[in-house]
């Protein structure tokens, strides 16, 4: 299932390149020619895959996450990685990395005990040291819905004036509302998963990581597959066919009546929504058909293991902050 998604294929190729014995293999960077990719992936040392540490696996994962793009056509590497010959070479790599003891938590639901919130900074000289306080969400989701509907109406008018017009715009399907908070889990090797796994990362140079206490009665919807995302959208649909027409055509090559979740309705039944690591490797960036209506959806803009909190009354900062920064190899470590 992981090989049906561009992020899953890219991740497996990264693992293959890191563990290949071929002279063309390199730690970072895939080749865009079919022959080179086949040569490298046909010479993977599966013993080396089994020996990868957790931080090495997350580093390969981070490279795939950083290259996620949902507002433009697939790049040359993504095009090569969908070739059936290459997919077959990726298949044993996927099995090998998922057999690692370091990936056994990837299908787990949200870890309510070890959640962390991250504040990132683009410089280290004067980071804010004010204690983090979680604000009440109030009417943020209603404001988000009003903005989304207004934005869609604007694009409807654009298309009335010029039905063939291709115009970029909002491409994400996350609850990007004012006052929304998100968390990821802490691992033994990393203060928070979010430190490493961020789409299109701007390259932050410093971070504060805060422990977060979660009310165990919170209702969390889990996304671990395209079917989970489709069910969420089918249950709480919000139509955005005009505003997503061009950007999601670029990323999927298809036109559809596009839908996203209506987060102002989701919050009536769920306090948070979590995308598992496996969910990330199987779901984003592809056309996901809906079953309750004619149309489709795309999961876009959601980082791995991230939980978006639609109801902030269930989370509180609880503990001391730790400071982190990337080292010379761009791996995060405590200060």
C-alpha atoms as a PDB file:
ATOM      1  CA  UNK A   1       0.000   0.000   0.000  1.00  0.00           C
ATOM      2  CA  UNK A   2       2.916   2.316   0.729  1.00  0.00           C
ATOM      3  CA  UNK A   3       4.049   1.974  -2.889  1.00  0.00           C
ATOM      4  CA  UNK A   4       0.760   3.416  -4.133  1.00  0.00           C
ATOM      5  CA  UNK A   5       1.744   6.830  -2.792  1.00  0.00           C
ATOM      6  CA  UNK A   6       4.453   9.197  -4.053  1.00  0.00           C
ATOM      7  CA  UNK A   7       5.745   9.828  -0.508  1.00  0.00           C
ATOM      8  CA  UNK A   8       5.915   6.106   0.203  1.00  0.00           C
ATOM      9  CA  UNK A   9       7.814   5.386  -3.007  1.00  0.00           C
ATOM     10  CA  UNK A  10      10.207   8.276  -2.411  1.00  0.00           C
ATOM     11  CA  UNK A  11      10.907   7.090   1.130  1.00  0.00           C
ATOM     12  CA  UNK A  12      11.607   3.520   0.025  1.00  0.00           C
ATOM     13  CA  UNK A  13      13.902   4.793  -2.730  1.00  0.00           C
ATOM     14  CA  UNK A  14      15.780   6.877  -0.160  1.00  0.00           C
ATOM     15  CA  UNK A  15      16.304   3.763   1.960  1.00  0.00           C
ATOM     16  CA  UNK A  16      17.446   1.876  -1.113  1.00  0.00           C
ATOM     17  CA  UNK A  17      19.962   4.532  -2.073  1.00  0.00           C
ATOM     18  CA  UNK A  18      21.312   4.693   1.483  1.00  0.00           C
ATOM     19  CA  UNK A  19      21.884   0.926   1.492  1.00  0.00           C
ATOM     20  CA  UNK A  20      22.891   0.235  -2.117  1.00  0.00           C
ATOM     21  CA  UNK A  21      26.328  -1.089  -3.005  1.00  0.00           C
ATOM     22  CA  UNK A  22      26.203   0.438  -6.494  1.00  0.00           C
ATOM     23  CA  UNK A  23      28.735   3.157  -7.269  1.00  0.00           C
ATOM     24  CA  UNK A  24      25.983   5.589  -8.277  1.00  0.00           C
ATOM     25  CA  UNK A  25      24.312   5.453  -4.871  1.00  0.00           C
ATOM     26  CA  UNK A  26      24.637   8.517  -2.690  1.00  0.00           C
ATOM     27  CA  UNK A  27      23.417   9.461   0.767  1.00  0.00           C
ATOM     28  CA  UNK A  28      21.157  12.192  -0.591  1.00  0.00           C
ATOM     29  CA  UNK A  29      19.654  12.746  -3.990  1.00  0.00           C
ATOM     30  CA  UNK A  30      18.002  10.340  -6.408  1.00  0.00           C
ATOM     31  CA  UNK A  31      18.749  10.072 -10.095  1.00  0.00           C
ATOM     32  CA  UNK A  32      16.088  11.092 -12.587  1.00  0.00           C
ATOM     33  CA  UNK A  33      17.027   8.582 -15.300  1.00  0.00           C
ATOM     34  CA  UNK A  34      15.355   5.187 -15.257  1.00  0.00           C
ATOM     35  CA  UNK A  35      18.523   3.216 -15.927  1.00  0.00           C
ATOM     36  CA  UNK A  36      20.455   4.774 -13.054  1.00  0.00           C
ATOM     37  CA  UNK A  37      17.610   4.287 -10.583  1.00  0.00           C
ATOM     38  CA  UNK A  38      17.208   0.641 -11.586  1.00  0.00           C
ATOM     39  CA  UNK A  39      20.947   0.010 -11.256  1.00  0.00           C
ATOM     40  CA  UNK A  40      21.077   1.499  -7.764  1.00  0.00           C
ATOM     41  CA  UNK A  41      17.923  -0.156  -6.433  1.00  0.00           C
ATOM     42  CA  UNK A  42      18.834  -3.549  -7.882  1.00  0.00           C
ATOM     43  CA  UNK A  43      21.934  -3.584  -5.675  1.00  0.00           C
ATOM     44  CA  UNK A  44      20.471  -2.935  -2.232  1.00  0.00           C
ATOM     45  CA  UNK A  45      22.195  -4.610   0.706  1.00  0.00           C
ATOM     46  CA  UNK A  46      19.234  -5.762   2.804  1.00  0.00           C
ATOM     47  CA  UNK A  47      21.521  -6.486   5.716  1.00  0.00           C
ATOM     48  CA  UNK A  48      22.343  -2.783   5.715  1.00  0.00           C
ATOM     49  CA  UNK A  49      18.627  -1.948   5.716  1.00  0.00           C
ATOM     50  CA  UNK A  50      18.111  -4.138   8.783  1.00  0.00           C
ATOM     51  CA  UNK A  51      21.067  -2.450  10.507  1.00  0.00           C
ATOM     52  CA  UNK A  52      19.778   1.113  10.076  1.00  0.00           C
ATOM     53  CA  UNK A  53      19.315   3.019  13.320  1.00  0.00           C
ATOM     54  CA  UNK A  54      16.090   4.844  14.097  1.00  0.00           C
ATOM     55  CA  UNK A  55      17.642   8.238  13.445  1.00  0.00           C
ATOM     56  CA  UNK A  56      18.989   7.007  10.090  1.00  0.00           C
ATOM     57  CA  UNK A  57      15.539   5.790   9.074  1.00  0.00           C
ATOM     58  CA  UNK A  58      13.934   9.058  10.179  1.00  0.00           C
ATOM     59  CA  UNK A  59      16.577  10.962   8.228  1.00  0.00           C
ATOM     60  CA  UNK A  60      15.589   9.091   5.052  1.00  0.00           C
ATOM     61  CA  UNK A  61      11.938   9.718   5.906  1.00  0.00           C
ATOM     62  CA  UNK A  62      12.646  13.429   6.375  1.00  0.00           C
ATOM     63  CA  UNK A  63      14.122  13.690   2.890  1.00  0.00           C
ATOM     64  CA  UNK A  64      10.922  12.262   1.395  1.00  0.00           C
ATOM     65  CA  UNK A  65       8.756  14.584   3.498  1.00  0.00           C
ATOM     66  CA  UNK A  66      10.772  17.666   2.583  1.00  0.00           C
ATOM     67  CA  UNK A  67      10.137  17.053  -1.119  1.00  0.00           C
ATOM     68  CA  UNK A  68       6.347  16.874  -0.807  1.00  0.00           C
ATOM     69  CA  UNK A  69       4.708  19.306  -3.244  1.00  0.00           C
ATOM     70  CA  UNK A  70       0.942  19.507  -3.731  1.00  0.00           C
ATOM     71  CA  UNK A  71       0.816  22.653  -5.844  1.00  0.00           C
ATOM     72  CA  UNK A  72       2.910  21.537  -8.822  1.00  0.00           C
ATOM     73  CA  UNK A  73       3.292  18.527 -11.126  1.00  0.00           C
ATOM     74  CA  UNK A  74       5.384  15.545 -10.002  1.00  0.00           C
ATOM     75  CA  UNK A  75       9.116  16.101 -10.391  1.00  0.00           C
ATOM     76  CA  UNK A  76      11.417  13.887 -12.464  1.00  0.00           C
ATOM     77  CA  UNK A  77      12.230  11.573  -9.564  1.00  0.00           C
ATOM     78  CA  UNK A  78       8.567  10.964  -8.756  1.00  0.00           C
ATOM     79  CA  UNK A  79       7.873  10.168 -12.408  1.00  0.00           C
ATOM     80  CA  UNK A  80      10.673   7.589 -12.510  1.00  0.00           C
ATOM     81  CA  UNK A  81       9.616   5.981  -9.228  1.00  0.00           C
ATOM     82  CA  UNK A  82       6.127   5.156 -10.524  1.00  0.00           C
ATOM     83  CA  UNK A  83       7.497   3.003 -13.387  1.00  0.00           C
ATOM     84  CA  UNK A  84       6.390  -0.618 -12.714  1.00  0.00           C
ATOM     85  CA  UNK A  85       9.956  -1.954 -12.970  1.00  0.00           C
ATOM     86  CA  UNK A  86      11.058   0.462 -10.255  1.00  0.00           C
ATOM     87  CA  UNK A  87       8.034  -0.245  -8.054  1.00  0.00           C
ATOM     88  CA  UNK A  88       8.937  -3.937  -8.068  1.00  0.00           C
ATOM     89  CA  UNK A  89      12.453  -3.075  -6.908  1.00  0.00           C
ATOM     90  CA  UNK A  90      11.004  -0.914  -4.132  1.00  0.00           C
ATOM     91  CA  UNK A  91       8.735  -3.680  -2.862  1.00  0.00           C
ATOM     92  CA  UNK A  92      11.362  -5.716  -0.952  1.00  0.00           C
ATOM     93  CA  UNK A  93      12.805  -2.469   0.410  1.00  0.00           C
ATOM     94  CA  UNK A  94       9.393  -1.563   1.829  1.00  0.00           C
ATOM     95  CA  UNK A  95       9.071  -4.990   3.458  1.00  0.00           C
ATOM     96  CA  UNK A  96      12.582  -4.758   4.906  1.00  0.00           C
ATOM     97  CA  UNK A  97      12.225  -1.318   6.451  1.00  0.00           C
ATOM     98  CA  UNK A  98       8.795  -2.114   7.895  1.00  0.00           C
ATOM     99  CA  UNK A  99      10.328  -5.184   9.540  1.00  0.00           C
ATOM    100  CA  UNK A 100      12.752  -2.980  11.466  1.00  0.00           C
ATOM    101  CA  UNK A 101      12.120  -2.707  15.220  1.00  0.00           C
ATOM    102  CA  UNK A 102      12.403   1.061  14.784  1.00  0.00           C
ATOM    103  CA  UNK A 103       9.276   1.270  12.601  1.00  0.00           C
ATOM    104  CA  UNK A 104       6.907  -0.887  14.644  1.00  0.00           C
ATOM    105  CA  UNK A 105       5.182   2.177  16.131  1.00  0.00           C
ATOM    106  CA  UNK A 106       4.428   3.689  12.737  1.00  0.00           C
ATOM    107  CA  UNK A 107       0.917   2.236  12.541  1.00  0.00           C
ATOM    108  CA  UNK A 108       0.056   3.098  16.134  1.00  0.00           C
ATOM    109  CA  UNK A 109      -2.624   5.632  17.088  1.00  0.00           C
ATOM    110  CA  UNK A 110      -1.680   8.897  18.733  1.00  0.00           C
ATOM    111  CA  UNK A 111       0.567   8.480  21.766  1.00  0.00           C
ATOM    112  CA  UNK A 112      -1.402  10.446  24.354  1.00  0.00           C
ATOM    113  CA  UNK A 113       1.362  10.127  26.958  1.00  0.00           C
ATOM    114  CA  UNK A 114       4.319  11.542  25.019  1.00  0.00           C
ATOM    115  CA  UNK A 115       2.963  14.416  22.939  1.00  0.00           C
ATOM    116  CA  UNK A 116       5.134  17.456  22.308  1.00  0.00           C
ATOM    117  CA  UNK A 117       4.532  20.929  20.896  1.00  0.00           C
ATOM    118  CA  UNK A 118       7.343  22.615  18.971  1.00  0.00           C
ATOM    119  CA  UNK A 119       8.211  26.287  18.529  1.00  0.00           C
ATOM    120  CA  UNK A 120      10.737  26.791  15.732  1.00  0.00           C
ATOM    121  CA  UNK A 121      12.974  29.773  15.053  1.00  0.00           C
ATOM    122  CA  UNK A 122      15.036  30.819  12.057  1.00  0.00           C
ATOM    123  CA  UNK A 123      17.841  32.221  14.221  1.00  0.00           C
ATOM    124  CA  UNK A 124      19.486  31.378  17.523  1.00  0.00           C
ATOM    125  CA  UNK A 125      20.563  34.797  18.814  1.00  0.00           C
ATOM    126  CA  UNK A 126      17.343  35.808  20.568  1.00  0.00           C
ATOM    127  CA  UNK A 127      14.660  33.096  20.622  1.00  0.00           C
ATOM    128  CA  UNK A 128      11.499  33.813  22.557  1.00  0.00           C
ATOM    129  CA  UNK A 129      11.701  32.303  26.046  1.00  0.00           C
ATOM    130  CA  UNK A 130       8.149  33.194  27.073  1.00  0.00           C
ATOM    131  CA  UNK A 131       6.397  30.101  28.469  1.00  0.00           C
ATOM    132  CA  UNK A 132       4.040  28.566  25.945  1.00  0.00           C
ATOM    133  CA  UNK A 133       0.356  28.902  26.789  1.00  0.00           C
ATOM    134  CA  UNK A 134      -2.384  27.232  24.800  1.00  0.00           C
ATOM    135  CA  UNK A 135      -5.153  29.644  23.918  1.00  0.00           C
ATOM    136  CA  UNK A 136      -8.796  28.705  23.732  1.00  0.00           C
ATOM    137  CA  UNK A 137      -9.797  27.961  20.139  1.00  0.00           C
ATOM    138  CA  UNK A 138     -13.124  29.821  20.416  1.00  0.00           C
ATOM    139  CA  UNK A 139     -14.626  30.412  16.937  1.00  0.00           C
ATOM    140  CA  UNK A 140     -11.499  29.650  14.901  1.00  0.00           C
ATOM    141  CA  UNK A 141     -13.059  26.798  12.934  1.00  0.00           C
ATOM    142  CA  UNK A 142     -16.135  28.845  12.053  1.00  0.00           C
ATOM    143  CA  UNK A 143     -13.836  31.606  10.809  1.00  0.00           C
ATOM    144  CA  UNK A 144     -11.911  29.003   8.827  1.00  0.00           C
ATOM    145  CA  UNK A 145     -15.142  27.762   7.228  1.00  0.00           C
ATOM    146  CA  UNK A 146     -16.255  31.286   6.320  1.00  0.00           C
ATOM    147  CA  UNK A 147     -12.873  31.998   4.739  1.00  0.00           C
ATOM    148  CA  UNK A 148     -12.950  28.713   2.804  1.00  0.00           C
ATOM    149  CA  UNK A 149     -16.414  29.427   1.396  1.00  0.00           C
ATOM    150  CA  UNK A 150     -15.468  32.996   0.444  1.00  0.00           C
ATOM    151  CA  UNK A 151     -12.282  31.745  -1.180  1.00  0.00           C
ATOM    152  CA  UNK A 152     -14.198  29.117  -3.149  1.00  0.00           C
ATOM    153  CA  UNK A 153     -16.726  31.734  -4.315  1.00  0.00           C
ATOM    154  CA  UNK A 154     -13.880  33.900  -5.622  1.00  0.00           C
ATOM    155  CA  UNK A 155     -12.573  31.027  -7.728  1.00  0.00           C
ATOM    156  CA  UNK A 156     -16.063  30.276  -9.025  1.00  0.00           C
ATOM    157  CA  UNK A 157     -16.139  33.813 -10.410  1.00  0.00           C
ATOM    158  CA  UNK A 158     -12.680  33.363 -11.935  1.00  0.00           C
ATOM    159  CA  UNK A 159     -13.871  30.275 -13.786  1.00  0.00           C
ATOM    160  CA  UNK A 160     -17.095  31.923 -14.927  1.00  0.00           C
ATOM    161  CA  UNK A 161     -15.006  34.603 -16.600  1.00  0.00           C
ATOM    162  CA  UNK A 162     -12.534  32.107 -18.077  1.00  0.00           C
ATOM    163  CA  UNK A 163     -13.451  28.401 -17.729  1.00  0.00           C
ATOM    164  CA  UNK A 164     -10.020  27.261 -18.912  1.00  0.00           C
ATOM    165  CA  UNK A 165      -8.067  29.499 -16.583  1.00  0.00           C
ATOM    166  CA  UNK A 166      -5.343  27.763 -14.576  1.00  0.00           C
ATOM    167  CA  UNK A 167      -4.651  29.633 -11.371  1.00  0.00           C
ATOM    168  CA  UNK A 168      -2.785  28.627  -8.237  1.00  0.00           C
ATOM    169  CA  UNK A 169      -4.067  29.090  -4.733  1.00  0.00           C
ATOM    170  CA  UNK A 170      -4.691  27.247  -1.492  1.00  0.00           C
ATOM    171  CA  UNK A 171      -3.720  23.606  -1.937  1.00  0.00           C
ATOM    172  CA  UNK A 172      -3.897  22.240   1.615  1.00  0.00           C
ATOM    173  CA  UNK A 173      -6.683  20.254   3.259  1.00  0.00           C
ATOM    174  CA  UNK A 174      -5.604  20.576   6.894  1.00  0.00           C
ATOM    175  CA  UNK A 175      -7.475  22.559   9.584  1.00  0.00           C
ATOM    176  CA  UNK A 176      -5.347  25.656   9.013  1.00  0.00           C
ATOM    177  CA  UNK A 177      -7.445  27.791  11.328  1.00  0.00           C
ATOM    178  CA  UNK A 178      -6.341  30.638  13.540  1.00  0.00           C
ATOM    179  CA  UNK A 179      -5.651  29.163  16.965  1.00  0.00           C
ATOM    180  CA  UNK A 180      -5.231  25.566  15.813  1.00  0.00           C
ATOM    181  CA  UNK A 181      -2.492  23.594  17.570  1.00  0.00           C
ATOM    182  CA  UNK A 182      -0.671  20.480  16.489  1.00  0.00           C
ATOM    183  CA  UNK A 183       1.526  17.997  18.319  1.00  0.00           C
ATOM    184  CA  UNK A 184       3.763  15.009  17.568  1.00  0.00           C
ATOM    185  CA  UNK A 185       5.219  12.351  19.809  1.00  0.00           C
ATOM    186  CA  UNK A 186       8.635  12.275  21.442  1.00  0.00           C
ATOM    187  CA  UNK A 187      11.007   9.416  20.680  1.00  0.00           C
ATOM    188  CA  UNK A 188      14.091   8.304  22.592  1.00  0.00           C
ATOM    189  CA  UNK A 189      16.307   9.685  19.812  1.00  0.00           C
ATOM    190  CA  UNK A 190      14.304  12.843  19.129  1.00  0.00           C
ATOM    191  CA  UNK A 191      12.586  15.470  21.248  1.00  0.00           C
ATOM    192  CA  UNK A 192       9.596  15.542  18.892  1.00  0.00           C
ATOM    193  CA  UNK A 193       8.930  13.930  15.520  1.00  0.00           C
ATOM    194  CA  UNK A 194       8.068  17.375  14.157  1.00  0.00           C
ATOM    195  CA  UNK A 195      11.697  18.455  14.511  1.00  0.00           C
ATOM    196  CA  UNK A 196      12.645  16.257  11.558  1.00  0.00           C
ATOM    197  CA  UNK A 197       9.477  15.503   9.615  1.00  0.00           C
ATOM    198  CA  UNK A 198       8.136  18.727   8.099  1.00  0.00           C
ATOM    199  CA  UNK A 199       6.964  19.138   4.518  1.00  0.00           C
ATOM    200  CA  UNK A 200       8.846  21.689   2.420  1.00  0.00           C
ATOM    201  CA  UNK A 201      10.917  22.610   5.466  1.00  0.00           C
ATOM    202  CA  UNK A 202      12.366  26.149   5.480  1.00  0.00           C
ATOM    203  CA  UNK A 203      15.378  24.938   7.445  1.00  0.00           C
ATOM    204  CA  UNK A 204      14.815  26.146  10.997  1.00  0.00           C
ATOM    205  CA  UNK A 205      17.950  26.690  13.085  1.00  0.00           C
ATOM    206  CA  UNK A 206      16.556  26.424  16.630  1.00  0.00           C
ATOM    207  CA  UNK A 207      13.534  24.991  18.444  1.00  0.00           C
ATOM    208  CA  UNK A 208      11.832  24.811  21.809  1.00  0.00           C
ATOM    209  CA  UNK A 209      10.070  21.534  22.591  1.00  0.00           C
ATOM    210  CA  UNK A 210       7.311  21.543  25.220  1.00  0.00           C
ATOM    211  CA  UNK A 211       5.725  18.510  26.910  1.00  0.00           C
ATOM    212  CA  UNK A 212       1.954  18.486  26.518  1.00  0.00           C
ATOM    213  CA  UNK A 213      -0.547  16.822  28.808  1.00  0.00           C
ATOM    214  CA  UNK A 214      -3.531  15.272  27.036  1.00  0.00           C
ATOM    215  CA  UNK A 215      -6.922  14.606  28.581  1.00  0.00           C
ATOM    216  CA  UNK A 216      -7.310  10.851  28.091  1.00  0.00           C
ATOM    217  CA  UNK A 217     -11.032  11.253  27.374  1.00  0.00           C
ATOM    218  CA  UNK A 218     -10.327  13.195  24.177  1.00  0.00           C
ATOM    219  CA  UNK A 219     -11.883  11.759  21.026  1.00  0.00           C
ATOM    220  CA  UNK A 220      -9.246  11.291  18.320  1.00  0.00           C
ATOM    221  CA  UNK A 221      -9.963  10.301  14.724  1.00  0.00           C
ATOM    222  CA  UNK A 222      -7.167   8.187  13.243  1.00  0.00           C
ATOM    223  CA  UNK A 223      -5.936   8.395   9.649  1.00  0.00           C
ATOM    224  CA  UNK A 224      -3.832   5.380   8.721  1.00  0.00           C
ATOM    225  CA  UNK A 225      -4.921   4.862   5.109  1.00  0.00           C
ATOM    226  CA  UNK A 226      -6.617   6.587   2.159  1.00  0.00           C
ATOM    227  CA  UNK A 227      -9.863   4.895   3.218  1.00  0.00           C
ATOM    228  CA  UNK A 228      -9.715   6.623   6.604  1.00  0.00           C
ATOM    229  CA  UNK A 229      -9.297  10.019   4.943  1.00  0.00           C
ATOM    230  CA  UNK A 230     -12.093   9.302   2.454  1.00  0.00           C
ATOM    231  CA  UNK A 231     -14.441   8.323   5.287  1.00  0.00           C
ATOM    232  CA  UNK A 232     -13.704  11.572   7.126  1.00  0.00           C
ATOM    233  CA  UNK A 233     -14.401  13.647   4.016  1.00  0.00           C
ATOM    234  CA  UNK A 234     -17.506  11.630   3.118  1.00  0.00           C
ATOM    235  CA  UNK A 235     -18.899  12.128   6.620  1.00  0.00           C
ATOM    236  CA  UNK A 236     -18.106  15.854   6.882  1.00  0.00           C
ATOM    237  CA  UNK A 237     -17.868  17.091   3.270  1.00  0.00           C
ATOM    238  CA  UNK A 238     -17.045  20.617   2.175  1.00  0.00           C
ATOM    239  CA  UNK A 239     -17.016  21.175  -1.580  1.00  0.00           C
ATOM    240  CA  UNK A 240     -14.035  23.101  -2.996  1.00  0.00           C
ATOM    241  CA  UNK A 241     -14.033  22.180  -6.721  1.00  0.00           C
ATOM    242  CA  UNK A 242     -13.153  25.632  -8.031  1.00  0.00           C
ATOM    243  CA  UNK A 243     -10.398  26.624  -5.605  1.00  0.00           C
ATOM    244  CA  UNK A 244      -8.613  23.238  -5.823  1.00  0.00           C
ATOM    245  CA  UNK A 245      -9.226  22.729  -9.545  1.00  0.00           C
ATOM    246  CA  UNK A 246      -5.817  23.835 -10.820  1.00  0.00           C
ATOM    247  CA  UNK A 247      -3.523  22.992  -7.908  1.00  0.00           C
ATOM    248  CA  UNK A 248      -4.834  19.470  -7.441  1.00  0.00           C
ATOM    249  CA  UNK A 249      -4.834  18.886 -11.189  1.00  0.00           C
ATOM    250  CA  UNK A 250      -1.142  19.738 -11.122  1.00  0.00           C
ATOM    251  CA  UNK A 251      -0.385  17.214  -8.398  1.00  0.00           C
ATOM    252  CA  UNK A 252      -2.754  14.400  -9.525  1.00  0.00           C
ATOM    253  CA  UNK A 253      -3.212  15.028 -13.255  1.00  0.00           C
ATOM    254  CA  UNK A 254      -6.984  14.773 -12.779  1.00  0.00           C
ATOM    255  CA  UNK A 255     -10.006  17.068 -12.612  1.00  0.00           C
ATOM    256  CA  UNK A 256     -12.711  16.179 -10.092  1.00  0.00           C
ATOM    257  CA  UNK A 257     -15.388  17.683  -7.929  1.00  0.00           C
ATOM    258  CA  UNK A 258     -12.985  18.132  -5.031  1.00  0.00           C
ATOM    259  CA  UNK A 259     -13.914  17.961  -1.344  1.00  0.00           C
ATOM    260  CA  UNK A 260     -12.112  18.529   1.957  1.00  0.00           C
ATOM    261  CA  UNK A 261     -13.310  17.887   5.522  1.00  0.00           C
ATOM    262  CA  UNK A 262     -15.502  20.555   7.043  1.00  0.00           C
ATOM    263  CA  UNK A 263     -13.503  20.922  10.227  1.00  0.00           C
ATOM    264  CA  UNK A 264     -16.206  23.042  11.838  1.00  0.00           C
ATOM    265  CA  UNK A 265     -18.402  19.921  11.691  1.00  0.00           C
ATOM    266  CA  UNK A 266     -15.694  17.375  12.529  1.00  0.00           C
ATOM    267  CA  UNK A 267     -15.176  19.031  15.928  1.00  0.00           C
ATOM    268  CA  UNK A 268     -18.717  18.083  16.928  1.00  0.00           C
ATOM    269  CA  UNK A 269     -17.635  14.438  17.077  1.00  0.00           C
ATOM    270  CA  UNK A 270     -13.836  14.558  17.463  1.00  0.00           C
ATOM    271  CA  UNK A 271     -11.469  16.684  19.503  1.00  0.00           C
ATOM    272  CA  UNK A 272      -8.429  15.886  17.377  1.00  0.00           C
ATOM    273  CA  UNK A 273      -7.313  14.112  14.211  1.00  0.00           C
ATOM    274  CA  UNK A 274      -4.059  12.141  13.992  1.00  0.00           C
ATOM    275  CA  UNK A 275      -2.147  11.068  10.867  1.00  0.00           C
ATOM    276  CA  UNK A 276       0.023   8.046  11.627  1.00  0.00           C
ATOM    277  CA  UNK A 277       3.425   7.515  10.053  1.00  0.00           C
ATOM    278  CA  UNK A 278       1.998   4.761   7.853  1.00  0.00           C
ATOM    279  CA  UNK A 279      -0.940   7.015   7.082  1.00  0.00           C
ATOM    280  CA  UNK A 280       1.506   9.600   5.782  1.00  0.00           C
ATOM    281  CA  UNK A 281       3.340   7.105   3.589  1.00  0.00           C
ATOM    282  CA  UNK A 282       0.107   5.832   2.002  1.00  0.00           C
ATOM    283  CA  UNK A 283      -2.308   8.744   1.748  1.00  0.00           C
ATOM    284  CA  UNK A 284      -1.085  12.259   0.738  1.00  0.00           C
ATOM    285  CA  UNK A 285      -0.843  13.560  -2.796  1.00  0.00           C
ATOM    286  CA  UNK A 286      -3.088  11.035  -4.549  1.00  0.00           C
ATOM    287  CA  UNK A 287      -6.649  11.143  -5.833  1.00  0.00           C
ATOM    288  CA  UNK A 288      -8.876   9.457  -3.254  1.00  0.00           C
ATOM    289  CA  UNK A 289     -12.395   8.717  -4.575  1.00  0.00           C
ATOM    290  CA  UNK A 290     -15.382   9.260  -2.318  1.00  0.00           C
ATOM    291  CA  UNK A 291     -18.098   6.651  -1.898  1.00  0.00           C
ATOM    292  CA  UNK A 292     -20.997   8.666  -0.479  1.00  0.00           C
ATOM    293  CA  UNK A 293     -20.993  11.178  -3.342  1.00  0.00           C
ATOM    294  CA  UNK A 294     -19.526  11.835  -6.754  1.00  0.00           C
ATOM    295  CA  UNK A 295     -16.144  13.409  -6.284  1.00  0.00           C
ATOM    296  CA  UNK A 296     -12.714  12.935  -4.765  1.00  0.00           C
ATOM    297  CA  UNK A 297     -10.304  14.388  -2.250  1.00  0.00           C
ATOM    298  CA  UNK A 298      -6.581  14.873  -1.627  1.00  0.00           C
ATOM    299  CA  UNK A 299      -4.780  14.866   1.707  1.00  0.00           C
ATOM    300  CA  UNK A 300      -2.259  17.694   1.486  1.00  0.00           C
ATOM    301  CA  UNK A 301      -0.141  19.631   3.950  1.00  0.00           C
ATOM    302  CA  UNK A 302      -0.280  17.215   6.902  1.00  0.00           C
ATOM    303  CA  UNK A 303       3.053  16.219   8.459  1.00  0.00           C
ATOM    304  CA  UNK A 304       3.751  12.652   9.673  1.00  0.00           C
ATOM    305  CA  UNK A 305       2.499  11.666  13.139  1.00  0.00           C
ATOM    306  CA  UNK A 306       0.889  15.082  13.528  1.00  0.00           C
ATOM    307  CA  UNK A 307      -2.258  15.460  15.593  1.00  0.00           C
ATOM    308  CA  UNK A 308      -4.336  18.576  14.956  1.00  0.00           C
ATOM    309  CA  UNK A 309      -6.320  19.629  18.017  1.00  0.00           C
ATOM    310  CA  UNK A 310      -9.750  20.949  17.061  1.00  0.00           C
ATOM    311  CA  UNK A 311     -10.693  21.316  20.721  1.00  0.00           C
ATOM    312  CA  UNK A 312      -7.861  22.912  22.681  1.00  0.00           C
ATOM    313  CA  UNK A 313      -9.502  22.352  26.060  1.00  0.00           C
ATOM    314  CA  UNK A 314      -8.040  18.839  26.039  1.00  0.00           C
ATOM    315  CA  UNK A 315      -4.369  19.898  25.914  1.00  0.00           C
ATOM    316  CA  UNK A 316      -2.155  21.813  28.330  1.00  0.00           C
ATOM    317  CA  UNK A 317       1.561  22.535  28.462  1.00  0.00           C
ATOM    318  CA  UNK A 318       2.874  20.420  31.316  1.00  0.00           C
ATOM    319  CA  UNK A 319       6.602  20.440  32.003  1.00  0.00           C
ATOM    320  CA  UNK A 320       9.858  22.160  31.197  1.00  0.00           C
ATOM    321  CA  UNK A 321      10.925  23.217  27.738  1.00  0.00           C
ATOM    322  CA  UNK A 322      14.009  21.710  26.098  1.00  0.00           C
ATOM    323  CA  UNK A 323      16.003  23.493  23.404  1.00  0.00           C
ATOM    324  CA  UNK A 324      17.103  21.703  20.229  1.00  0.00           C
ATOM    325  CA  UNK A 325      19.161  22.642  17.183  1.00  0.00           C
ATOM    326  CA  UNK A 326      20.421  20.819  14.078  1.00  0.00           C
ATOM    327  CA  UNK A 327      24.055  19.715  14.055  1.00  0.00           C
ATOM    328  CA  UNK A 328      26.511  19.823  11.159  1.00  0.00           C
ATOM    329  CA  UNK A 329      24.767  16.824   9.571  1.00  0.00           C
ATOM    330  CA  UNK A 330      21.385  18.560   9.916  1.00  0.00           C
ATOM    331  CA  UNK A 331      20.242  16.102  12.577  1.00  0.00           C
ATOM    332  CA  UNK A 332      18.487  17.630  15.579  1.00  0.00           C
ATOM    333  CA  UNK A 333      20.106  17.325  19.007  1.00  0.00           C
ATOM    334  CA  UNK A 334      19.464  18.888  22.433  1.00  0.00           C
ATOM    335  CA  UNK A 335      21.351  22.076  23.221  1.00  0.00           C
END
